[in-house]
Structures are given as structure tokens and as C-alpha cells.
Amino acid sequence: MYPFAVILGTSFKSEKDIIVHGYSIFPKNFSETAYRMVLHNPKILLHSYGVTAVTTIAGALIGMWVTTAYAFVISRKDYPYRSFLAFLIFFTMLFHGGWFLLIF
């Protein structure tokens, strides 16, 4: 519930207050400009939802295609680099990508 409360509280702040004071549940200076902008021009919100939907669908389809193609390649016993590619998948499952950032 806390993240939802922070989003709701921050939605009643101006952009300047967010930059100066950060995110919070209770706004220091109450402002409904974000709601006025969305209600005045709802195409902005609809366009944002459209971009989100297209990005999600395209990302899922591309991800499924790449995963399927990779799985097909490593399933072929006659492919010479099968062991190496299977090792790469196994290795990335063992070590999360975030650990790489901690090293450097």
C-alpha cells in the first residue's frame, strides 16, 4: 500500500516540488495541475497507454522469437557450438546480471 500512497500523494504536487522535496505521501504544497492537464487533454494519457501497450506486445513477441530460435539451436545435437551456447544460458542463470555491476 505504501508505493500506491506515495504515487497518490506525489500526484498532488507540482513538478518543482517533486524536484525540490522529492516523493512523499503528504504534499507540502497541494497542486492539482497534473489532473487538470490530463482532464484538459486526455489524448496525452491515451497516447501513453498506447505506447506502453505497443512496447509490451513488441517486447514479448521479440523475446519469444529470440528464445525459441535459441532453444532450437541448442536442441540440435549436430550443432558444433551447442555446448558453449548451453553453458552461456546456464551461466547467466547462476549469476544474476546485477552482480556484474557490483564488480566494476
Protein backbone atom coordinates (compact mmCIF):
# COMPACT_ATOMS: atom_id res chain seq x y z
CA MET A 1 0.00 0.00 0.00
CA TYR A 2 2.90 2.36 0.65
CA PRO A 3 4.01 2.68 -3.01
CA PHE A 4 0.42 3.42 -4.03
CA ALA A 5 0.14 6.07 -1.31
CA VAL A 6 3.41 7.68 -2.47
CA ILE A 7 2.18 7.81 -6.07
CA LEU A 8 -1.15 9.27 -5.00
CA GLY A 9 0.48 11.86 -2.72
CA THR A 10 3.03 12.83 -5.34
CA SER A 11 0.32 13.26 -7.97
CA PHE A 12 -0.90 16.27 -5.99
CA LYS A 13 2.49 18.00 -6.12
CA SER A 14 3.85 20.34 -8.76
CA GLU A 15 6.90 19.38 -10.81
CA LYS A 16 9.02 21.93 -8.95
CA ASP A 17 8.01 20.50 -5.56
CA ILE A 18 8.90 16.99 -6.72
CA ILE A 19 12.35 18.17 -7.81
CA VAL A 20 12.98 20.16 -4.63
CA HIS A 21 11.33 17.94 -1.97
CA GLY A 22 11.20 14.54 -3.69
CA TYR A 23 8.43 11.98 -3.41
CA SER A 24 6.22 11.80 -0.34
CA ILE A 25 2.79 10.69 0.79
CA PHE A 26 1.76 14.12 2.01
CA PRO A 27 2.47 17.04 -0.35
CA LYS A 28 3.83 20.23 1.20
CA ASN A 29 2.09 22.42 -1.39
CA PHE A 30 -1.14 20.95 -2.72
CA SER A 31 -1.50 21.23 -6.51
CA GLU A 32 -3.94 19.60 -8.91
CA THR A 33 -2.18 20.72 -12.10
CA ALA A 34 -1.41 17.14 -13.18
CA TYR A 35 -5.10 16.23 -13.03
CA ARG A 36 -6.10 19.41 -14.83
CA MET A 37 -3.65 18.63 -17.63
CA VAL A 38 -4.93 15.06 -18.04
CA LEU A 39 -8.59 16.09 -17.92
CA HIS A 40 -8.00 19.04 -20.23
CA ASN A 41 -6.15 16.95 -22.83
CA PRO A 42 -6.90 13.22 -22.35
CA LYS A 43 -5.09 12.34 -25.59
CA ILE A 44 -1.80 12.58 -23.69
CA LEU A 45 -2.85 9.79 -21.34
CA LEU A 46 -4.31 7.66 -24.13
CA HIS A 47 -1.13 8.09 -26.17
CA SER A 48 0.95 6.99 -23.16
CA TYR A 49 -1.18 3.86 -22.73
CA GLY A 50 -0.82 3.14 -26.46
CA VAL A 51 2.97 3.43 -26.31
CA THR A 52 3.02 1.15 -23.26
CA ALA A 53 0.83 -1.46 -24.98
CA VAL A 54 2.85 -1.44 -28.21
CA THR A 55 6.15 -1.67 -26.31
CA THR A 56 4.90 -4.54 -24.17
CA ILE A 57 3.50 -6.53 -27.08
CA ALA A 58 6.54 -5.95 -29.30
CA GLY A 59 8.94 -6.84 -26.47
CA ALA A 60 7.05 -10.04 -25.67
CA LEU A 61 6.93 -11.12 -29.31
CA ILE A 62 10.61 -10.37 -29.93
CA GLY A 63 11.58 -12.09 -26.69
CA MET A 64 9.58 -15.21 -27.58
CA TRP A 65 11.10 -15.28 -31.07
CA VAL A 66 14.68 -14.98 -29.79
CA THR A 67 14.10 -17.57 -27.05
CA THR A 68 12.51 -20.02 -29.47
CA ALA A 69 15.30 -19.60 -32.01
CA TYR A 70 17.96 -20.05 -29.32
CA ALA A 71 16.21 -23.13 -27.94
CA PHE A 72 16.02 -24.65 -31.41
CA VAL A 73 19.74 -24.10 -31.98
CA ILE A 74 20.85 -25.67 -28.70
CA SER A 75 18.43 -28.60 -29.18
CA ARG A 76 20.26 -29.69 -32.35
CA LYS A 77 22.81 -32.35 -31.45
CA ASP A 78 24.76 -31.80 -34.66
CA TYR A 79 25.38 -28.07 -33.99
CA PRO A 80 29.09 -27.60 -33.14
CA TYR A 81 28.67 -24.74 -30.62
CA ARG A 82 25.76 -26.34 -28.78
CA SER A 83 27.68 -26.96 -25.55
CA PHE A 84 29.09 -23.46 -25.42
CA LEU A 85 25.70 -21.80 -26.00
CA ALA A 86 24.03 -24.04 -23.43
CA PHE A 87 26.79 -23.09 -20.99
CA LEU A 88 26.10 -19.39 -21.62
CA ILE A 89 22.44 -19.87 -20.70
CA PHE A 90 23.34 -21.93 -17.65
CA PHE A 91 25.97 -19.41 -16.53
CA THR A 92 23.58 -16.47 -16.74
CA MET A 93 21.06 -18.40 -14.63
CA LEU A 94 23.69 -18.95 -11.93
CA PHE A 95 24.86 -15.35 -11.71
CA HIS A 96 22.35 -12.55 -11.87
CA GLY A 97 23.23 -9.67 -14.21
CA GLY A 98 23.30 -7.22 -11.29
CA TRP A 99 26.37 -8.86 -9.85
CA PHE A 100 28.36 -7.71 -12.84
CA LEU A 101 27.68 -4.09 -11.88
CA LEU A 102 28.92 -4.69 -8.33
CA ILE A 103 32.23 -6.00 -9.60
CA PHE A 104 33.01 -2.93 -11.69
